[in-house]
C-alpha atoms as a PDB file:
ATOM      1  CA  MET A   1    -122.802  20.429-149.454  1.00  0.00           C
ATOM      2  CA  THR A   2    -121.851  24.092-149.270  1.00  0.00           C
ATOM      3  CA  THR A   3    -123.931  27.207-149.427  1.00  0.00           C
ATOM      4  CA  THR A   4    -122.822  30.655-150.416  1.00  0.00           C
ATOM      5  CA  THR A   5    -123.332  33.597-148.109  1.00  0.00           C
ATOM      6  CA  PRO A   6    -125.874  35.881-149.788  1.00  0.00           C
ATOM      7  CA  ALA A   7    -124.500  39.270-150.735  1.00  0.00           C
ATOM      8  CA  ALA A   8    -127.002  40.806-153.055  1.00  0.00           C
ATOM      9  CA  ALA A   9    -126.637  38.657-156.195  1.00  0.00           C
ATOM     10  CA  ASP A  10    -122.844  38.366-155.935  1.00  0.00           C
ATOM     11  CA  PRO A  11    -121.178  35.958-153.469  1.00  0.00           C
ATOM     12  CA  VAL A  12    -117.887  37.855-153.728  1.00  0.00           C
ATOM     13  CA  ARG A  13    -117.900  40.726-151.247  1.00  0.00           C
ATOM     14  CA  SER A  14    -115.567  43.307-149.840  1.00  0.00           C
ATOM     15  CA  LEU A  15    -115.197  43.636-146.086  1.00  0.00           C
ATOM     16  CA  GLY A  16    -112.462  45.718-144.463  1.00  0.00           C
ATOM     17  CA  ALA A  17    -111.022  45.132-140.974  1.00  0.00           C
ATOM     18  CA  THR A  18    -113.218  47.821-139.401  1.00  0.00           C
ATOM     19  CA  GLU A  19    -116.387  46.394-140.915  1.00  0.00           C
ATOM     20  CA  ALA A  20    -115.266  42.863-139.999  1.00  0.00           C
ATOM     21  CA  VAL A  21    -114.893  43.795-136.349  1.00  0.00           C
ATOM     22  CA  GLU A  22    -118.234  45.625-136.412  1.00  0.00           C
ATOM     23  CA  ALA A  23    -119.819  42.552-138.020  1.00  0.00           C
ATOM     24  CA  THR A  24    -118.973  40.412-134.995  1.00  0.00           C
ATOM     25  CA  ASP A  25    -122.420  41.234-133.635  1.00  0.00           C
ATOM     26  CA  ALA A  26    -123.929  39.312-136.563  1.00  0.00           C
ATOM     27  CA  ALA A  27    -126.544  36.788-135.476  1.00  0.00           C
ATOM     28  CA  ASP A  28    -125.071  34.138-137.801  1.00  0.00           C
ATOM     29  CA  PRO A  29    -122.114  32.506-135.993  1.00  0.00           C
ATOM     30  CA  THR A  30    -120.480  31.465-139.275  1.00  0.00           C
ATOM     31  CA  GLU A  31    -120.538  35.014-140.613  1.00  0.00           C
ATOM     32  CA  ARG A  32    -119.245  36.283-137.262  1.00  0.00           C
ATOM     33  CA  LEU A  33    -116.269  33.879-137.328  1.00  0.00           C
ATOM     34  CA  ALA A  34    -115.546  34.655-140.998  1.00  0.00           C
ATOM     35  CA  ALA A  35    -115.550  38.392-140.208  1.00  0.00           C
ATOM     36  CA  LEU A  36    -113.181  37.803-137.281  1.00  0.00           C
ATOM     37  CA  LEU A  37    -110.913  35.698-139.501  1.00  0.00           C
ATOM     38  CA  ILE A  38    -110.770  38.486-142.102  1.00  0.00           C
ATOM     39  CA  ALA A  39    -109.893  40.961-139.338  1.00  0.00           C
ATOM     40  CA  PHE A  40    -107.058  38.612-138.288  1.00  0.00           C
ATOM     41  CA  LEU A  41    -105.791  38.356-141.868  1.00  0.00           C
ATOM     42  CA  GLU A  42    -105.769  42.151-142.191  1.00  0.00           C
ATOM     43  CA  THR A  43    -104.198  43.008-138.848  1.00  0.00           C
ATOM     44  CA  GLY A  44    -102.229  39.940-137.752  1.00  0.00           C
ATOM     45  CA  ALA A  45    -103.915  40.159-134.331  1.00  0.00           C
ATOM     46  CA  PRO A  46    -106.500  37.471-133.529  1.00  0.00           C
ATOM     47  CA  PRO A  47    -109.764  38.943-132.207  1.00  0.00           C
ATOM     48  CA  ASP A  48    -111.080  37.412-128.989  1.00  0.00           C
ATOM     49  CA  GLY A  49    -113.216  34.359-129.615  1.00  0.00           C
ATOM     50  CA  LEU A  50    -111.877  33.581-133.101  1.00  0.00           C
ATOM     51  CA  PHE A  51    -109.615  30.619-132.323  1.00  0.00           C
ATOM     52  CA  HIS A  52    -109.934  27.695-129.962  1.00  0.00           C
ATOM     53  CA  PRO A  53    -106.910  27.834-127.561  1.00  0.00           C
ATOM     54  CA  GLU A  54    -105.470  24.627-129.089  1.00  0.00           C
ATOM     55  CA  VAL A  55    -106.227  25.552-132.721  1.00  0.00           C
ATOM     56  CA  PHE A  56    -104.261  23.582-135.323  1.00  0.00           C
ATOM     57  CA  CYS A  57    -103.137  25.290-138.541  1.00  0.00           C
ATOM     58  CA  ASP A  58    -101.872  23.490-141.648  1.00  0.00           C
ATOM     59  CA  LEU A  59    -100.447  25.995-144.168  1.00  0.00           C
ATOM     60  CA  THR A  60     -99.556  25.020-147.721  1.00  0.00           C
ATOM     61  CA  VAL A  61     -97.666  27.471-149.915  1.00  0.00           C
ATOM     62  CA  PRO A  62     -96.078  26.729-153.282  1.00  0.00           C
ATOM     63  CA  GLN A  63     -93.551  23.953-152.720  1.00  0.00           C
ATOM     64  CA  TRP A  64     -93.732  24.078-148.889  1.00  0.00           C
ATOM     65  CA  ARG A  65     -95.922  23.107-145.949  1.00  0.00           C
ATOM     66  CA  LEU A  66     -95.895  24.461-142.373  1.00  0.00           C
ATOM     67  CA  GLN A  67     -97.943  23.705-139.262  1.00  0.00           C
ATOM     68  CA  ALA A  68     -98.641  25.285-135.893  1.00  0.00           C
ATOM     69  CA  ARG A  69    -100.683  24.394-132.817  1.00  0.00           C
ATOM     70  CA  GLY A  70    -102.140  26.908-130.371  1.00  0.00           C
ATOM     71  CA  VAL A  71    -102.964  30.564-130.898  1.00  0.00           C
ATOM     72  CA  PRO A  72     -99.394  31.877-130.312  1.00  0.00           C
ATOM     73  CA  GLY A  73     -97.993  29.377-132.826  1.00  0.00           C
ATOM     74  CA  LEU A  74    -100.636  30.225-135.429  1.00  0.00           C
ATOM     75  CA  VAL A  75    -100.023  33.966-134.991  1.00  0.00           C
ATOM     76  CA  ALA A  76     -96.245  33.454-135.312  1.00  0.00           C
ATOM     77  CA  LEU A  77     -96.798  31.412-138.491  1.00  0.00           C
ATOM     78  CA  ARG A  78     -98.970  34.165-139.996  1.00  0.00           C
ATOM     79  CA  ARG A  79     -96.639  37.008-139.045  1.00  0.00           C
ATOM     80  CA  GLY A  80     -93.603  35.053-140.247  1.00  0.00           C
ATOM     81  CA  GLY A  81     -95.003  34.903-143.758  1.00  0.00           C
ATOM     82  CA  HIS A  82     -97.047  38.115-143.787  1.00  0.00           C
ATOM     83  CA  PRO A  83     -95.694  40.667-141.302  1.00  0.00           C
ATOM     84  CA  ALA A  84     -97.230  43.783-142.897  1.00  0.00           C
ATOM     85  CA  PRO A  85    -100.857  44.898-142.437  1.00  0.00           C
ATOM     86  CA  ARG A  86    -102.971  44.119-145.475  1.00  0.00           C
ATOM     87  CA  ALA A  87    -106.365  44.497-147.066  1.00  0.00           C
ATOM     88  CA  VAL A  88    -108.819  41.790-148.033  1.00  0.00           C
ATOM     89  CA  PRO A  89    -110.618  43.541-150.896  1.00  0.00           C
ATOM     90  CA  ARG A  90    -112.638  40.460-151.915  1.00  0.00           C
ATOM     91  CA  HIS A  91    -113.794  37.303-150.220  1.00  0.00           C
ATOM     92  CA  ARG A  92    -116.290  34.484-150.568  1.00  0.00           C
ATOM     93  CA  LEU A  93    -117.761  32.476-147.698  1.00  0.00           C
ATOM     94  CA  ASP A  94    -119.162  28.947-148.098  1.00  0.00           C
ATOM     95  CA  ARG A  95    -120.580  26.973-145.198  1.00  0.00           C
ATOM     96  CA  THR A  96    -119.612  23.317-144.668  1.00  0.00           C
ATOM     97  CA  GLY A  97    -120.933  20.643-142.351  1.00  0.00           C
ATOM     98  CA  THR A  98    -118.063  21.281-139.902  1.00  0.00           C
ATOM     99  CA  GLY A  99    -117.466  25.022-140.356  1.00  0.00           C
ATOM    100  CA  PHE A 100    -116.736  27.072-143.456  1.00  0.00           C
ATOM    101  CA  VAL A 101    -114.447  27.779-146.398  1.00  0.00           C
ATOM    102  CA  LEU A 102    -113.250  31.323-146.995  1.00  0.00           C
ATOM    103  CA  GLU A 103    -111.692  32.363-150.308  1.00  0.00           C
ATOM    104  CA  VAL A 104    -109.776  35.644-150.044  1.00  0.00           C
ATOM    105  CA  GLU A 105    -107.637  38.018-152.038  1.00  0.00           C
ATOM    106  CA  GLU A 106    -105.048  39.966-150.076  1.00  0.00           C
ATOM    107  CA  SER A 107    -103.001  43.007-151.016  1.00  0.00           C
ATOM    108  CA  TRP A 108    -100.371  44.902-149.037  1.00  0.00           C
ATOM    109  CA  GLU A 109     -97.338  47.175-149.227  1.00  0.00           C
ATOM    110  CA  GLN A 110     -93.969  45.884-148.119  1.00  0.00           C
ATOM    111  CA  GLY A 111     -90.417  46.825-149.023  1.00  0.00           C
ATOM    112  CA  GLY A 112     -91.625  49.701-151.180  1.00  0.00           C
ATOM    113  CA  GLN A 113     -93.837  47.642-153.468  1.00  0.00           C
ATOM    114  CA  ARG A 114     -97.392  46.328-153.703  1.00  0.00           C
ATOM    115  CA  TRP A 115     -97.951  42.597-153.139  1.00  0.00           C
ATOM    116  CA  TYR A 116    -100.904  40.278-153.853  1.00  0.00           C
ATOM    117  CA  CYS A 117    -101.978  36.727-153.057  1.00  0.00           C
ATOM    118  CA  ARG A 118    -105.051  34.512-153.055  1.00  0.00           C
ATOM    119  CA  GLU A 119    -105.832  32.039-150.300  1.00  0.00           C
ATOM    120  CA  LEU A 120    -108.384  29.360-149.576  1.00  0.00           C
ATOM    121  CA  LEU A 121    -109.003  28.756-145.869  1.00  0.00           C
ATOM    122  CA  ARG A 122    -110.983  25.765-144.586  1.00  0.00           C
ATOM    123  CA  ALA A 123    -112.039  26.266-140.979  1.00  0.00           C
ATOM    124  CA  ASP A 124    -113.446  23.584-138.688  1.00  0.00           C
ATOM    125  CA  VAL A 125    -115.439  25.030-135.800  1.00  0.00           C
ATOM    126  CA  ARG A 126    -115.784  23.536-132.312  1.00  0.00           C
ATOM    127  CA  GLY A 127    -117.395  25.234-129.349  1.00  0.00           C
ATOM    128  CA  GLY A 128    -118.052  28.407-131.335  1.00  0.00           C
ATOM    129  CA  ALA A 129    -114.385  28.967-132.320  1.00  0.00           C
ATOM    130  CA  VAL A 130    -112.079  27.874-135.139  1.00  0.00           C
ATOM    131  CA  ASP A 131    -110.470  24.612-134.020  1.00  0.00           C
ATOM    132  CA  ARG A 132    -108.633  23.588-137.212  1.00  0.00           C
ATOM    133  CA  LEU A 133    -107.531  25.780-140.103  1.00  0.00           C
ATOM    134  CA  ALA A 134    -106.135  24.592-143.427  1.00  0.00           C
ATOM    135  CA  VAL A 135    -104.714  27.391-145.584  1.00  0.00           C
ATOM    136  CA  TYR A 136    -103.767  27.051-149.247  1.00  0.00           C
ATOM    137  CA  CYS A 137    -101.891  30.066-150.632  1.00  0.00           C
ATOM    138  CA  THR A 138    -100.987  30.837-154.245  1.00  0.00           C
ATOM    139  CA  GLY A 139     -97.749  32.426-153.098  1.00  0.00           C
ATOM    140  CA  ASP A 140     -97.017  36.122-152.913  1.00  0.00           C
ATOM    141  CA  TRP A 141     -96.938  38.039-156.188  1.00  0.00           C
ATOM    142  CA  ASP A 142     -94.671  41.069-156.304  1.00  0.00           C
ATOM    143  CA  ALA A 143     -95.377  44.046-158.576  1.00  0.00           C
ATOM    144  CA  GLU A 144     -93.514  42.480-161.509  1.00  0.00           C
ATOM    145  CA  GLN A 145     -95.465  39.196-161.289  1.00  0.00           C
ATOM    146  CA  GLN A 146     -98.747  41.129-161.145  1.00  0.00           C
ATOM    147  CA  ARG A 147     -97.734  43.212-164.178  1.00  0.00           C
ATOM    148  CA  ARG A 148     -96.735  40.072-166.094  1.00  0.00           C
ATOM    149  CA  HIS A 149    -100.044  38.413-165.244  1.00  0.00           C
ATOM    150  CA  ARG A 150    -102.061  41.464-166.404  1.00  0.00           C
ATOM    151  CA  THR A 151    -100.102  41.461-169.666  1.00  0.00           C
ATOM    152  CA  GLU A 152    -100.265  37.737-170.417  1.00  0.00           C
ATOM    153  CA  VAL A 153    -103.680  36.696-169.062  1.00  0.00           C
ATOM    154  CA  THR A 154    -107.179  37.995-169.626  1.00  0.00           C
ATOM    155  CA  LEU A 155    -109.398  36.957-166.726  1.00  0.00           C
ATOM    156  CA  LEU A 156    -113.079  36.342-167.408  1.00  0.00           C
ATOM    157  CA  GLU A 157    -114.048  37.501-163.876  1.00  0.00           C
ATOM    158  CA  PRO A 158    -112.180  39.449-161.186  1.00  0.00           C
END
């Protein structure tokens, strides 16, 4: 069973890196870890206390799968695929029995163009830190793919 983090009436919220780091004082440990994870996604630098030292990451991208163990390996995996700083303009947090699921949208500038992707991250927590992380990514959409999508698809919700 999952529950949605309350955010007024809308479970989809915006939280920038600065607010995520400031939110680490939150009394709710799940919200604190989710805020730290968003800060990591935006900056590429893992905040203290986010990951267990032997964290395991299983990353699935379209037509490929990669894994890493330990914080340095996870950071190298992230930076290898997403080296530029980015924004997480929208996210949704759902609690699970072993941790949480975080749905995010990311956008960033690289190589002179704007990029976009969506990711679903399932985090298992042990000892107050993320111990296992499964990441499912839609793949990175360049400006042309985003334009094509806007032209060909009408979304019912953002």
